[in-house]
Amino acid sequence: MEPRQIREGYLVKKGTLLNSWKAVWVVLSEDGVEFYKKKTDSSPKGMIPLKGATLISPCQDFGKRMLVFKITTGKKQDHFFQASHVEEREFWVKDMKRAITCLEGGKKFARKSTRRSIRLPDKVNLTELYTLMKDQDDGVKELKLEQENRVFNHCFTGATVVEWLISKEKSRNKAEALMLATGLLNEGFLQPAGDLSKEGAESGEQSVFLDQTTALYYFADSGFFCEGYSSDEDVLLKQEFRGNIVKQGCLLKQGHKRKNWKVRKFILRDDPAFVHYYDPTKGDDPLGSIHLRGSVITAVEHVPDAKKYDIDGNLFEIITSDETHYFLQAATVEERKEWIKAIQAVSKSGK
């Protein structure tokens, strides 16, 4: 029986022989990690067995590369991967650690069973509860909070979640509210943002949700982003960099001159409405930007001059107000929908 796929997507990987970093398509299964030069390749460039492996995150061996994690195999071979943002790294690391733990125990991969571990009643629908919490008018309000020289966008405190659950009569007291919040945390609906909440989430076999004003959390599919304070010079950067980060991640982008396709890291900002794209293997300077005010964003099935790359599905196009065309490809149908929805919202509301 073939091992089940757990997670897949773009990551940047350090070469095993040369000191070079390249974007690759990565597939995590129950017993290993495969990486491909392109998503459409039928055979992987390599496979990393997870049995007996250890994982370190964050890995701080590479100076300015802040989003690196390291897998060391049972034969003491090191493999280094870099994510495009913090949340993405933590999703990969969490699933990889769980896969390693399941292999050690001779079990099939399974994320922690919330209902068994905290005795969550069968009648509780966490998906429905999560939808109510995200309601724009009556849900938990997402805020920009400052803590320890960092700014946390689109997040909220643990105390806020507990208060909301009680005030909306989803729980009778704090004990029940904490049980529900812990269930949402274990099932991945809520994610820890700051150091304190992360310590609680990673403490032992059972994650702990903290009912504290200093414990920060965010919705799993929100535009959460954490950033440090900027220097006086940074504050004077171009106007286009001043908007809040709404969404970020890797997409394939078609070049305008050669019409070839390359993996790029995209960061979507609102007010002003810009999306910047970067080489994910290099520094923080963008390769370019797209002003989204007045743009048209649509899903497409065909891209002109796409012969140089095996392009298949999940395509979308941005046509700017000055009629410049950008063709992009998401990894999945759902990811394409998310990007189109986010860009359309920013293009209408941002300056």
Protein backbone atom coordinates (compact mmCIF):
# COMPACT_ATOMS: atom_id res chain seq x y z
CA MET A 1 0.00 0.00 0.00
CA GLU A 2 1.40 3.40 -1.05
CA PRO A 3 2.21 5.86 1.77
CA ARG A 4 -0.44 8.56 2.14
CA GLN A 5 0.44 12.11 1.09
CA ILE A 6 0.16 14.54 4.00
CA ARG A 7 1.26 17.91 2.61
CA GLU A 8 2.72 19.32 -0.61
CA GLY A 9 3.90 22.70 -1.85
CA TYR A 10 6.86 24.86 -2.79
CA LEU A 11 9.85 25.20 -0.47
CA VAL A 12 13.41 26.41 -1.05
CA LYS A 13 16.05 23.68 -0.54
CA LYS A 14 19.79 23.94 -0.04
CA GLY A 15 21.84 21.80 -2.42
CA THR A 16 23.58 18.82 -0.80
CA LEU A 17 26.83 19.35 -2.71
CA LEU A 18 26.81 23.01 -3.75
CA ASN A 19 26.01 25.89 -1.43
CA SER A 20 23.04 26.95 -3.57
CA TRP A 21 19.36 27.34 -2.73
CA LYS A 22 16.64 26.45 -5.24
CA ALA A 23 12.85 26.38 -5.17
CA VAL A 24 11.51 22.82 -5.36
CA TRP A 25 8.14 21.09 -5.17
CA VAL A 26 8.01 19.09 -1.94
CA VAL A 27 5.71 16.17 -1.06
CA LEU A 28 5.49 14.92 2.52
CA SER A 29 4.22 11.36 2.94
CA GLU A 30 3.92 9.11 5.97
CA ASP A 31 7.47 7.79 5.71
CA GLY A 32 9.49 10.38 3.80
CA VAL A 33 9.92 13.69 1.99
CA GLU A 34 10.24 13.76 -1.80
CA PHE A 35 11.37 16.87 -3.68
CA TYR A 36 10.96 17.62 -7.40
CA LYS A 37 12.53 20.18 -9.72
CA LYS A 38 9.04 21.00 -11.04
CA LYS A 39 5.57 20.17 -9.78
CA THR A 40 4.80 18.39 -13.05
CA ASP A 41 7.84 16.05 -12.92
CA SER A 42 6.99 12.36 -12.63
CA SER A 43 10.18 11.41 -10.79
CA PRO A 44 11.64 13.16 -7.72
CA LYS A 45 15.16 14.59 -7.56
CA GLY A 46 15.53 12.96 -4.18
CA MET A 47 13.83 11.33 -1.21
CA ILE A 48 14.52 11.87 2.50
CA PRO A 49 13.47 8.95 4.75
CA LEU A 50 11.89 10.10 8.01
CA LYS A 51 12.40 6.91 10.02
CA GLY A 52 14.96 7.76 12.68
CA ALA A 53 15.14 11.38 11.52
CA THR A 54 15.26 14.47 13.73
CA LEU A 55 14.03 17.96 12.95
CA ILE A 56 15.28 21.36 14.14
CA SER A 57 13.22 24.53 13.69
CA PRO A 58 14.12 27.30 13.49
CA CYS A 59 17.56 26.50 12.10
CA GLN A 60 19.80 29.54 12.48
CA ASP A 61 22.87 28.28 10.60
CA PHE A 62 22.50 30.67 7.69
CA GLY A 63 22.46 34.22 9.03
CA LYS A 64 19.75 36.21 7.29
CA ARG A 65 17.76 33.13 6.23
CA MET A 66 15.26 33.22 9.09
CA LEU A 67 12.71 30.64 7.90
CA VAL A 68 14.93 27.55 7.64
CA PHE A 69 14.36 24.15 9.25
CA LYS A 70 16.71 21.17 9.20
CA ILE A 71 16.00 17.46 8.78
CA THR A 72 18.77 15.10 9.89
CA THR A 73 18.24 11.53 8.69
CA GLY A 74 19.03 8.38 10.66
CA LYS A 75 22.31 8.21 8.69
CA LYS A 76 23.24 11.74 9.87
CA GLN A 77 22.64 13.47 6.53
CA ASP A 78 21.43 17.07 6.86
CA HIS A 79 18.78 18.58 4.60
CA PHE A 80 17.84 22.27 4.83
CA PHE A 81 14.51 23.76 3.72
CA GLN A 82 13.28 27.35 3.77
CA ALA A 83 9.62 28.41 3.84
CA SER A 84 8.22 31.65 2.41
CA HIS A 85 6.77 32.81 5.74
CA VAL A 86 6.58 31.77 9.40
CA GLU A 87 3.15 30.16 9.31
CA GLU A 88 4.07 28.03 6.31
CA ARG A 89 7.22 26.79 8.06
CA GLU A 90 5.27 25.88 11.17
CA PHE A 91 2.65 23.90 9.21
CA TRP A 92 5.40 21.84 7.52
CA VAL A 93 7.37 21.33 10.74
CA LYS A 94 4.30 20.29 12.72
CA ASP A 95 3.30 17.63 10.18
CA MET A 96 6.86 16.37 9.73
CA LYS A 97 7.36 16.00 13.48
CA ARG A 98 4.07 14.14 13.73
CA ALA A 99 5.07 11.82 10.87
CA ILE A 100 8.41 11.05 12.59
CA THR A 101 6.64 10.38 15.89
CA CYS A 102 4.14 8.02 14.21
CA LEU A 103 6.96 6.11 12.50
CA GLU A 104 8.78 5.69 15.82
CA GLY A 105 5.63 4.30 17.42
CA GLY A 106 4.77 2.07 14.47
CA LYS A 107 1.51 3.95 13.89
CA LYS A 108 -0.23 5.40 10.86
CA PHE A 109 0.03 9.17 10.51
CA ALA A 110 -2.76 10.97 12.33
CA ARG A 111 -2.96 14.44 13.77
CA LYS A 112 -3.80 14.56 17.47
CA SER A 113 -7.31 13.39 18.29
CA THR A 114 -8.86 16.36 19.99
CA ARG A 115 -12.06 14.64 21.07
CA ARG A 116 -10.25 11.72 22.71
CA SER A 117 -7.57 13.76 24.45
CA ILE A 118 -9.79 16.50 25.90
CA ARG A 119 -13.14 14.65 25.92
CA LEU A 120 -14.84 17.01 23.51
CA PRO A 121 -18.57 16.17 23.21
CA ASP A 122 -19.61 14.59 19.91
CA LYS A 123 -22.32 17.23 19.43
CA VAL A 124 -19.73 20.02 19.22
CA ASN A 125 -19.09 21.08 15.60
CA LEU A 126 -15.70 22.80 15.56
CA THR A 127 -15.99 23.79 11.89
CA GLU A 128 -19.30 25.55 12.56
CA LEU A 129 -17.86 27.22 15.66
CA TYR A 130 -14.83 28.42 13.70
CA THR A 131 -17.10 29.97 11.04
CA LEU A 132 -19.02 31.87 13.73
CA MET A 133 -15.78 33.09 15.30
CA LYS A 134 -14.65 34.50 11.95
CA ASP A 135 -17.90 36.42 11.33
CA GLN A 136 -17.01 40.01 10.40
CA ASP A 137 -19.76 41.57 12.53
CA ASP A 138 -20.27 39.23 15.45
CA GLY A 139 -17.07 37.17 15.66
CA VAL A 140 -13.69 37.57 17.34
CA LYS A 141 -12.11 40.83 16.17
CA GLU A 142 -8.72 40.60 14.47
CA LEU A 143 -6.34 43.32 15.66
CA LYS A 144 -2.83 44.67 15.17
CA LEU A 145 -1.04 44.06 18.48
CA GLU A 146 2.47 45.02 19.59
CA GLN A 147 4.60 42.80 21.80
CA GLU A 148 8.34 42.57 22.47
CA ASN A 149 9.40 44.86 19.61
CA ARG A 150 7.20 43.02 17.13
CA VAL A 151 3.90 43.85 15.46
CA PHE A 152 1.35 41.02 15.07
CA ASN A 153 -1.20 41.70 12.34
CA HIS A 154 -4.65 40.06 12.24
CA CYS A 155 -4.46 38.34 15.61
CA PHE A 156 -6.20 38.27 19.01
CA THR A 157 -5.49 37.20 22.58
CA GLY A 158 -6.38 33.94 24.29
CA ALA A 159 -8.41 35.88 26.84
CA THR A 160 -10.47 37.41 24.01
CA VAL A 161 -11.35 33.95 22.67
CA VAL A 162 -12.47 32.71 26.10
CA GLU A 163 -14.56 35.84 26.69
CA TRP A 164 -16.19 35.51 23.27
CA LEU A 165 -17.12 31.85 23.80
CA ILE A 166 -18.78 32.68 27.11
CA SER A 167 -20.51 35.87 25.92
CA LYS A 168 -21.98 34.07 22.87
CA GLU A 169 -23.17 31.23 25.13
CA LYS A 170 -20.99 28.64 23.41
CA SER A 171 -19.73 27.62 26.84
CA ARG A 172 -21.07 28.03 30.38
CA ASN A 173 -17.78 28.88 32.09
CA LYS A 174 -14.06 29.33 31.57
CA ALA A 175 -13.31 25.63 31.91
CA GLU A 176 -15.65 24.75 29.04
CA ALA A 177 -14.40 27.71 26.98
CA LEU A 178 -10.80 26.53 27.40
CA MET A 179 -11.82 23.02 26.35
CA LEU A 180 -13.36 24.36 23.13
CA ALA A 181 -10.43 26.69 22.44
CA THR A 182 -7.99 23.81 22.96
CA GLY A 183 -10.01 21.74 20.50
CA LEU A 184 -9.79 24.52 17.90
CA LEU A 185 -6.05 24.78 18.51
CA ASN A 186 -5.41 21.03 18.21
CA GLU A 187 -7.48 20.74 15.04
CA GLY A 188 -5.54 23.58 13.43
CA PHE A 189 -8.37 26.14 13.26
CA LEU A 190 -6.43 28.45 15.59
CA GLN A 191 -2.67 28.94 15.45
CA PRO A 192 -0.27 30.30 18.11
CA ALA A 193 1.31 33.64 17.18
CA GLY A 194 3.66 34.79 19.95
CA ASP A 195 6.32 32.96 21.94
CA LEU A 196 4.06 32.38 24.95
CA SER A 197 1.23 30.78 22.98
CA LYS A 198 3.72 28.66 21.01
CA GLU A 199 5.21 27.32 24.23
CA GLY A 200 1.74 26.28 25.35
CA ALA A 201 0.95 24.65 22.00
CA GLU A 202 4.15 22.62 22.05
CA SER A 203 4.13 21.60 25.70
CA GLY A 204 4.07 17.82 25.86
CA GLU A 205 1.63 15.48 24.17
CA GLN A 206 -1.37 17.77 24.65
CA SER A 207 -1.40 21.34 23.34
CA VAL A 208 -2.50 23.94 25.87
CA PHE A 209 -4.58 27.01 25.02
CA LEU A 210 -3.76 29.95 27.29
CA ASP A 211 -6.45 32.24 28.72
CA GLN A 212 -4.13 35.24 28.89
CA THR A 213 -3.98 38.75 27.43
CA THR A 214 -0.32 38.17 26.48
CA ALA A 215 -0.95 34.88 24.62
CA LEU A 216 -1.59 35.67 20.94
CA TYR A 217 -3.41 33.54 18.35
CA TYR A 218 -4.71 33.88 14.80
CA PHE A 219 -7.17 32.19 12.44
CA ALA A 220 -5.46 29.53 10.28
CA ASP A 221 -6.64 31.04 6.97
CA SER A 222 -6.30 34.70 7.90
CA GLY A 223 -3.79 37.27 6.69
CA PHE A 224 -1.72 36.98 9.88
CA PHE A 225 1.81 38.32 9.68
CA CYS A 226 4.45 39.22 12.24
CA GLU A 227 7.03 41.93 11.66
CA GLY A 228 9.71 43.70 13.68
CA TYR A 229 9.85 47.42 14.25
CA SER A 230 11.32 49.35 11.33
CA SER A 231 14.17 51.83 11.56
CA ASP A 232 13.61 55.52 10.72
CA GLU A 233 15.04 54.89 7.26
CA ASP A 234 12.71 51.96 6.66
CA VAL A 235 9.68 54.08 7.53
CA LEU A 236 10.58 56.35 4.62
CA LEU A 237 10.41 53.54 2.07
CA LYS A 238 8.15 53.74 -0.94
CA GLN A 239 4.48 54.22 -0.23
CA GLU A 240 3.68 50.86 -1.82
CA PHE A 241 5.31 48.96 1.06
CA ARG A 242 3.23 50.57 3.82
CA GLY A 243 0.08 48.48 3.51
CA ASN A 244 -0.78 45.58 5.79
CA ILE A 245 0.22 42.16 4.50
CA VAL A 246 -2.96 40.31 3.54
CA LYS A 247 -1.58 37.11 2.00
CA GLN A 248 1.76 35.60 1.01
CA GLY A 249 3.16 32.44 -0.51
CA CYS A 250 4.80 30.94 -3.59
CA LEU A 251 3.27 30.88 -7.08
CA LEU A 252 4.56 30.23 -10.58
CA LYS A 253 4.89 33.43 -12.65
CA GLN A 254 5.38 33.80 -16.39
CA GLY A 255 8.17 36.21 -17.38
CA HIS A 256 7.27 39.07 -19.70
CA LYS A 257 10.33 38.83 -21.97
CA ARG A 258 11.30 35.17 -22.26
CA LYS A 259 7.85 33.83 -21.38
CA ASN A 260 9.44 31.21 -19.12
CA TRP A 261 7.94 30.22 -15.76
CA LYS A 262 9.65 30.54 -12.38
CA VAL A 263 8.66 30.08 -8.75
CA ARG A 264 8.25 33.44 -7.06
CA LYS A 265 7.29 34.46 -3.54
CA PHE A 266 4.33 36.86 -3.58
CA ILE A 267 3.32 39.30 -0.83
CA LEU A 268 -0.09 40.98 -1.15
CA ARG A 269 -0.53 44.32 0.65
CA ASP A 270 -3.56 46.56 1.04
CA ASP A 271 -3.93 50.35 1.20
CA PRO A 272 -2.07 50.95 -1.05
CA ALA A 273 -3.00 47.89 -3.09
CA PHE A 274 0.20 46.20 -4.27
CA VAL A 275 1.51 42.69 -4.74
CA HIS A 276 5.30 42.36 -4.71
CA TYR A 277 7.15 39.32 -6.01
CA TYR A 278 10.55 38.02 -4.94
CA ASP A 279 13.10 35.35 -5.76
CA PRO A 280 12.39 32.94 -2.86
CA THR A 281 16.01 31.78 -2.82
CA LYS A 282 17.50 35.23 -2.22
CA GLY A 283 17.10 38.32 -0.04
CA ASP A 284 14.27 40.69 0.76
CA ASP A 285 14.52 43.00 -2.27
CA PRO A 286 11.54 42.51 -4.62
CA LEU A 287 12.01 41.70 -8.30
CA GLY A 288 8.93 43.75 -9.13
CA SER A 289 5.52 44.96 -8.06
CA ILE A 290 1.99 45.06 -9.44
CA HIS A 291 -0.29 48.01 -8.60
CA LEU A 292 -3.70 46.41 -8.12
CA ARG A 293 -6.01 49.43 -7.91
CA GLY A 294 -8.52 49.04 -10.74
CA SER A 295 -7.09 45.68 -11.83
CA VAL A 296 -9.11 42.76 -13.20
CA ILE A 297 -8.33 39.29 -11.80
CA THR A 298 -9.76 36.17 -13.41
CA ALA A 299 -9.19 32.42 -13.62
CA VAL A 300 -7.97 31.31 -17.06
CA GLU A 301 -7.52 27.94 -18.74
CA HIS A 302 -4.89 28.92 -21.32
CA VAL A 303 -1.80 31.12 -21.35
CA PRO A 304 -0.25 32.47 -24.56
CA ASP A 305 3.37 31.42 -25.24
CA ALA A 306 3.38 28.77 -22.48
CA LYS A 307 5.38 26.25 -24.54
CA LYS A 308 8.56 26.54 -22.49
CA TYR A 309 6.97 25.09 -19.37
CA ASP A 310 4.56 22.26 -18.82
CA ILE A 311 1.67 24.38 -17.55
CA ASP A 312 -1.46 22.53 -16.53
CA GLY A 313 -4.38 24.02 -14.61
CA ASN A 314 -4.89 26.43 -11.69
CA LEU A 315 -3.99 29.47 -13.81
CA PHE A 316 -5.13 33.04 -13.25
CA GLU A 317 -4.46 36.42 -14.80
CA ILE A 318 -4.05 39.95 -13.44
CA ILE A 319 -4.74 42.78 -15.90
CA THR A 320 -3.68 46.12 -14.41
CA SER A 321 -5.32 49.49 -15.08
CA ASP A 322 -2.59 50.23 -17.67
CA GLU A 323 -3.43 46.90 -19.38
CA THR A 324 -0.30 44.98 -18.38
CA HIS A 325 -0.99 41.24 -18.24
CA TYR A 326 0.46 38.94 -15.56
CA PHE A 327 -0.08 35.17 -15.73
CA LEU A 328 0.26 33.12 -12.53
CA GLN A 329 -0.26 29.50 -11.50
CA ALA A 330 -1.31 28.24 -8.08
CA ALA A 331 -0.52 24.77 -6.78
CA THR A 332 -4.16 23.73 -6.32
CA VAL A 333 -7.67 24.80 -7.35
CA GLU A 334 -8.41 25.92 -3.79
CA GLU A 335 -5.22 27.98 -3.60
CA ARG A 336 -6.14 29.71 -6.87
CA LYS A 337 -9.56 30.60 -5.47
CA GLU A 338 -7.97 32.03 -2.31
CA TRP A 339 -5.51 34.20 -4.23
CA ILE A 340 -8.14 35.49 -6.67
CA LYS A 341 -10.52 36.33 -3.83
CA ALA A 342 -7.81 38.11 -1.81
CA ILE A 343 -6.45 40.10 -4.78
CA GLN A 344 -9.94 41.10 -5.94
CA ALA A 345 -10.78 42.40 -2.45
CA VAL A 346 -7.57 44.43 -2.24
CA SER A 347 -7.94 45.82 -5.77
CA LYS A 348 -11.38 47.21 -4.90
CA SER A 349 -10.63 48.57 -1.43
CA GLY A 350 -6.97 49.64 -1.63
CA LYS A 351 -5.63 52.90 -3.04
